[in-house]
Amino acid sequence: MRALVGLICGLLIAAEACGDVAPPVQVMVLGTYHMDNPGLDLHNARADDVLTPQRQAELAAVAEALAAFKPTVIAIERVTPAPAYEDAAYREFDDSQLASRRDERVQVGYRLARLAGLKTVHGIDEQPGPGEPDYFPFERVQAGVQRHGEDAALATMMSRTGKLIAEFEQRQASSTVAELLINANDPRTLADPSMYYELLAFDAGEDQPGAELLGYWFMRNAKIFAKLMDVVKPGDRVVVLFGGGHKHWLEHLARNTPGFEVVDPVPYLRR
């Protein structure tokens, strides 16, 4: 048995030395704000109009900067069917849509995919189906806070997040889209994950809605990442375009999953 183990280890070391180890999948998670103002989040940053000539020029510059990464896969925040997870809407995309569709999936995702020469965009979002749990059961957290008389503490926590949103909205008057995306990928702003952890402080004994929300939110992101794994191969360079609230979790999964490595989008955006 020891001889067999030694032989296997020797072969693995030799394969690595000879360069037979598969190259990693490079994952760039680009956290973004929702440019079409769908208003579906707990806190919603009000985006200005990205269809103006100035914003269109800035978005073109963003796509050019990100194209330097040479992406081979673009994955966006849209639910599409397994197993290919292909976003069928991209098949109908042409540049004229950039003048009418404010959605960041079009303005950044499709624009970048077209520039990179990709024939497919993948939609890897996860939403609960029949019989599946709510991935963000905030109402249960609010009910628990009320039971324990901690309404003021929750309001204080939420006001800090609201302040970050307000500051982001104010930045739009003097910032380019690239600068706004740099800000959205900062773990101190829209990509700040601390709220999810702070909710644990409102749990008491076996009454743990904060822990449940944290677990379900991680589950959603884990399922998103599992879908990503289905559509990539070793050596791919992937841009994952999702709301800033997903960035921490998706990067955590990429950083800790064998065969994947994280690429920071900010140096590209700074170009």
Protein backbone atom coordinates (compact mmCIF):
# COMPACT_ATOMS: atom_id res chain seq x y z
CA MET A 1 0.00 0.00 0.00
CA ARG A 2 2.80 2.45 0.89
CA ALA A 3 4.51 1.69 -2.41
CA LEU A 4 1.27 2.37 -4.30
CA VAL A 5 0.72 5.66 -2.47
CA GLY A 6 4.30 6.65 -3.21
CA LEU A 7 3.86 5.82 -6.90
CA ILE A 8 0.65 7.89 -7.12
CA CYS A 9 2.28 10.84 -5.39
CA GLY A 10 5.28 10.57 -7.67
CA LEU A 11 3.07 10.58 -10.76
CA LEU A 12 1.16 13.62 -9.50
CA ILE A 13 4.35 15.53 -8.83
CA ALA A 14 5.73 14.55 -12.22
CA ALA A 15 2.53 15.64 -13.98
CA GLU A 16 2.66 19.01 -12.27
CA ALA A 17 6.33 19.42 -13.15
CA CYS A 18 5.56 18.64 -16.78
CA GLY A 19 2.80 21.22 -16.91
CA ASP A 20 -0.08 18.72 -17.17
CA VAL A 21 -2.06 20.37 -14.38
CA ALA A 22 -5.13 22.10 -15.82
CA PRO A 23 -4.93 25.90 -15.83
CA PRO A 24 -7.32 27.60 -13.39
CA VAL A 25 -10.54 29.29 -14.33
CA GLN A 26 -9.96 33.01 -13.77
CA VAL A 27 -13.06 34.65 -12.34
CA MET A 28 -13.58 38.41 -12.38
CA VAL A 29 -16.66 39.27 -10.31
CA LEU A 30 -17.81 42.70 -11.43
CA GLY A 31 -20.22 44.03 -8.83
CA THR A 32 -22.56 46.60 -10.30
CA TYR A 33 -25.45 48.87 -9.46
CA HIS A 34 -28.78 48.31 -11.22
CA MET A 35 -28.77 50.84 -14.04
CA ASP A 36 -32.46 50.41 -14.94
CA ASN A 37 -33.75 51.01 -11.39
CA PRO A 38 -35.84 47.83 -10.93
CA GLY A 39 -36.27 48.60 -7.21
CA LEU A 40 -36.14 44.95 -6.15
CA ASP A 41 -33.52 45.14 -3.37
CA LEU A 42 -33.84 46.02 0.29
CA HIS A 43 -31.84 49.18 -0.44
CA ASN A 44 -31.96 50.56 -3.98
CA ALA A 45 -29.48 53.07 -5.36
CA ARG A 46 -31.25 55.38 -7.78
CA ALA A 47 -29.22 55.34 -10.99
CA ASP A 48 -29.13 58.28 -13.37
CA ASP A 49 -29.87 57.85 -17.06
CA VAL A 50 -27.23 55.71 -18.76
CA LEU A 51 -28.66 56.44 -22.21
CA THR A 52 -27.23 59.96 -22.41
CA PRO A 53 -24.37 60.44 -24.90
CA GLN A 54 -21.92 61.04 -22.05
CA ARG A 55 -22.86 57.84 -20.19
CA GLN A 56 -22.83 55.84 -23.42
CA ALA A 57 -19.28 57.00 -24.12
CA GLU A 58 -18.28 56.06 -20.57
CA LEU A 59 -19.88 52.62 -20.88
CA ALA A 60 -18.02 52.05 -24.14
CA ALA A 61 -14.79 52.92 -22.33
CA VAL A 62 -15.65 50.47 -19.54
CA ALA A 63 -16.21 47.68 -22.06
CA GLU A 64 -12.91 48.46 -23.79
CA ALA A 65 -11.08 48.37 -20.47
CA LEU A 66 -12.64 45.06 -19.41
CA ALA A 67 -12.01 43.56 -22.85
CA ALA A 68 -8.29 43.72 -22.04
CA PHE A 69 -8.96 40.79 -19.69
CA LYS A 70 -9.85 38.80 -22.84
CA PRO A 71 -12.95 37.13 -21.38
CA THR A 72 -14.01 33.80 -22.82
CA VAL A 73 -17.21 33.56 -20.74
CA ILE A 74 -19.70 36.23 -19.67
CA ALA A 75 -22.20 35.27 -16.94
CA ILE A 76 -24.96 37.61 -15.82
CA GLU A 77 -27.70 37.97 -13.20
CA ARG A 78 -30.50 36.31 -15.13
CA VAL A 79 -32.33 33.01 -14.60
CA THR A 80 -32.02 30.70 -17.62
CA PRO A 81 -32.69 26.98 -18.07
CA ALA A 82 -30.22 24.19 -17.35
CA PRO A 83 -27.98 22.67 -18.48
CA ALA A 84 -26.54 25.27 -20.88
CA TYR A 85 -27.77 28.33 -18.94
CA GLU A 86 -27.73 30.26 -22.19
CA ASP A 87 -29.30 33.72 -22.19
CA ALA A 88 -31.49 33.49 -25.28
CA ALA A 89 -32.03 37.27 -25.34
CA TYR A 90 -28.39 37.78 -26.30
CA ARG A 91 -29.05 36.02 -29.62
CA GLU A 92 -31.33 38.93 -30.56
CA PHE A 93 -28.95 41.61 -29.36
CA ASP A 94 -27.65 44.28 -31.67
CA ASP A 95 -25.97 47.59 -30.97
CA SER A 96 -29.20 49.55 -31.50
CA GLN A 97 -30.48 48.20 -28.17
CA LEU A 98 -27.79 50.17 -26.37
CA ALA A 99 -29.80 53.31 -27.17
CA SER A 100 -32.96 52.08 -25.45
CA ARG A 101 -32.22 49.43 -22.80
CA ARG A 102 -30.81 50.73 -19.51
CA ASP A 103 -30.30 47.28 -17.95
CA GLU A 104 -26.64 46.76 -16.92
CA ARG A 105 -26.84 43.23 -18.28
CA VAL A 106 -27.21 44.82 -21.71
CA GLN A 107 -25.14 47.96 -21.23
CA VAL A 108 -22.16 46.15 -19.70
CA GLY A 109 -22.68 42.41 -20.14
CA TYR A 110 -23.91 42.24 -23.73
CA ARG A 111 -21.71 45.13 -24.82
CA LEU A 112 -18.62 43.38 -23.43
CA ALA A 113 -19.62 40.01 -24.88
CA ARG A 114 -20.03 41.55 -28.34
CA LEU A 115 -16.68 43.31 -28.05
CA ALA A 116 -15.01 40.04 -26.96
CA GLY A 117 -16.53 38.21 -29.92
CA LEU A 118 -18.59 35.80 -27.82
CA LYS A 119 -21.58 34.05 -29.35
CA THR A 120 -23.16 33.14 -26.00
CA VAL A 121 -23.92 34.88 -22.70
CA HIS A 122 -24.86 32.72 -19.73
CA GLY A 123 -27.54 33.58 -17.18
CA ILE A 124 -26.64 31.92 -13.89
CA ASP A 125 -28.90 33.61 -11.35
CA GLU A 126 -30.83 31.53 -8.83
CA GLN A 127 -34.35 32.28 -7.63
CA PRO A 128 -36.60 30.05 -5.50
CA GLY A 129 -38.97 27.76 -7.34
CA PRO A 130 -42.09 26.07 -5.95
CA GLY A 131 -41.36 24.52 -2.59
CA GLU A 132 -37.92 26.16 -2.31
CA PRO A 133 -36.95 28.58 0.47
CA ASP A 134 -36.89 32.36 0.31
CA TYR A 135 -33.22 33.25 -0.05
CA PHE A 136 -33.69 36.59 1.73
CA PRO A 137 -36.34 36.14 4.47
CA PHE A 138 -35.92 39.64 5.92
CA GLU A 139 -39.49 39.80 7.17
CA ARG A 140 -38.68 37.00 9.61
CA VAL A 141 -35.71 38.99 10.89
CA GLN A 142 -37.93 42.02 11.41
CA ALA A 143 -40.47 39.90 13.30
CA GLY A 144 -37.73 38.51 15.55
CA VAL A 145 -36.37 41.99 16.22
CA GLN A 146 -39.84 43.12 17.27
CA ARG A 147 -40.25 40.13 19.57
CA HIS A 148 -37.02 41.04 21.36
CA GLY A 149 -37.61 44.79 21.42
CA GLU A 150 -34.55 45.63 19.27
CA ASP A 151 -36.27 47.75 16.65
CA ALA A 152 -34.03 50.76 17.32
CA ALA A 153 -30.83 48.74 16.91
CA LEU A 154 -32.01 47.34 13.58
CA ALA A 155 -33.02 50.81 12.40
CA THR A 156 -29.54 52.11 13.26
CA MET A 157 -27.92 49.30 11.28
CA MET A 158 -30.20 49.88 8.32
CA SER A 159 -29.54 53.62 8.38
CA ARG A 160 -25.82 52.99 7.88
CA THR A 161 -26.60 51.02 4.74
CA GLY A 162 -28.98 53.73 3.61
CA LYS A 163 -26.23 56.30 4.04
CA LEU A 164 -23.91 54.28 1.78
CA ILE A 165 -26.64 54.20 -0.86
CA ALA A 166 -27.20 57.95 -0.59
CA GLU A 167 -23.47 58.63 -0.91
CA PHE A 168 -23.32 56.44 -4.00
CA GLU A 169 -26.23 58.33 -5.58
CA GLN A 170 -24.49 61.65 -4.90
CA ARG A 171 -21.29 60.40 -6.56
CA GLN A 172 -23.08 60.13 -9.89
CA ALA A 173 -23.02 63.89 -10.41
CA SER A 174 -19.21 63.97 -10.57
CA SER A 175 -18.17 60.40 -11.45
CA THR A 176 -17.80 58.40 -14.64
CA VAL A 177 -19.40 54.96 -14.95
CA ALA A 178 -15.96 53.41 -14.46
CA GLU A 179 -15.53 55.36 -11.23
CA LEU A 180 -19.00 54.35 -10.06
CA LEU A 181 -18.20 50.69 -10.73
CA ILE A 182 -14.92 51.01 -8.86
CA ASN A 183 -16.92 52.35 -5.93
CA ALA A 184 -19.52 49.57 -6.27
CA ASN A 185 -16.73 46.96 -6.00
CA ASP A 186 -15.32 48.48 -2.83
CA PRO A 187 -16.06 46.22 0.20
CA ARG A 188 -16.78 49.37 2.19
CA THR A 189 -19.69 50.44 -0.06
CA LEU A 190 -22.19 48.49 -2.17
CA ALA A 191 -20.09 45.32 -1.88
CA ASP A 192 -20.05 45.52 1.94
CA PRO A 193 -21.12 42.11 3.35
CA SER A 194 -21.17 43.19 7.00
CA MET A 195 -24.97 43.57 7.20
CA TYR A 196 -25.43 39.82 6.79
CA TYR A 197 -23.10 39.10 9.69
CA GLU A 198 -24.52 41.85 11.88
CA LEU A 199 -27.97 40.28 11.65
CA LEU A 200 -26.68 37.43 13.80
CA ALA A 201 -26.60 39.81 16.77
CA PHE A 202 -30.40 39.99 16.73
CA ASP A 203 -30.79 36.23 17.25
CA ALA A 204 -31.58 34.90 20.72
CA GLY A 205 -31.29 31.27 21.74
CA GLU A 206 -33.06 29.04 19.25
CA ASP A 207 -34.84 32.03 17.72
CA GLN A 208 -32.37 32.58 14.87
CA PRO A 209 -33.89 34.31 11.82
CA GLY A 210 -30.64 36.24 11.24
CA ALA A 211 -28.62 33.06 11.00
CA GLU A 212 -31.23 31.57 8.70
CA LEU A 213 -31.13 34.59 6.38
CA LEU A 214 -27.32 34.44 6.26
CA GLY A 215 -27.47 30.73 5.45
CA TYR A 216 -30.10 31.12 2.74
CA TRP A 217 -28.25 34.05 1.14
CA PHE A 218 -25.07 31.99 1.04
CA MET A 219 -27.09 29.11 -0.45
CA ARG A 220 -28.30 31.33 -3.28
CA ASN A 221 -24.78 32.42 -4.10
CA ALA A 222 -23.46 28.86 -3.83
CA LYS A 223 -26.09 27.74 -6.34
CA ILE A 224 -25.12 30.62 -8.63
CA PHE A 225 -21.49 29.54 -8.44
CA ALA A 226 -22.40 25.89 -9.05
CA LYS A 227 -24.14 26.97 -12.26
CA LEU A 228 -21.02 28.88 -13.25
CA MET A 229 -19.00 25.70 -12.78
CA ASP A 230 -21.32 23.99 -15.27
CA VAL A 231 -20.50 26.43 -18.09
CA VAL A 232 -16.74 26.88 -17.76
CA LYS A 233 -13.68 24.79 -18.52
CA PRO A 234 -10.07 24.99 -17.31
CA GLY A 235 -8.32 28.08 -18.62
CA ASP A 236 -11.47 30.13 -19.14
CA ARG A 237 -11.43 33.82 -18.24
CA VAL A 238 -14.84 34.69 -16.85
CA VAL A 239 -16.56 37.98 -16.14
CA VAL A 240 -19.46 37.50 -13.70
CA LEU A 241 -21.72 40.55 -13.72
CA PHE A 242 -23.96 40.68 -10.63
CA GLY A 243 -25.28 43.24 -8.19
CA GLY A 244 -22.66 44.45 -5.73
CA GLY A 245 -24.30 42.55 -2.86
CA HIS A 246 -23.22 39.26 -4.44
CA LYS A 247 -19.56 40.16 -4.93
CA HIS A 248 -18.17 39.11 -1.53
CA TRP A 249 -19.85 35.71 -1.64
CA LEU A 250 -19.05 34.84 -5.24
CA GLU A 251 -15.41 35.82 -4.77
CA HIS A 252 -15.29 33.76 -1.58
CA LEU A 253 -16.53 30.74 -3.52
CA ALA A 254 -14.08 31.30 -6.38
CA ARG A 255 -11.20 31.80 -3.96
CA ASN A 256 -11.93 28.59 -2.07
CA THR A 257 -12.94 26.26 -4.91
CA PRO A 258 -10.06 24.20 -6.38
CA GLY A 259 -9.35 25.11 -9.98
CA PHE A 260 -10.58 28.72 -9.68
CA GLU A 261 -8.85 31.99 -8.93
CA VAL A 262 -10.12 35.53 -8.43
CA VAL A 263 -9.20 38.44 -10.68
CA ASP A 264 -9.78 41.98 -9.40
CA PRO A 265 -11.75 44.14 -11.88
CA VAL A 266 -10.61 47.44 -10.38
CA PRO A 267 -7.18 47.65 -12.11
CA TYR A 268 -8.96 47.20 -15.44
CA LEU A 269 -11.58 49.81 -14.59
CA ARG A 270 -8.87 52.27 -13.63
CA ARG A 271 -7.70 52.22 -17.24
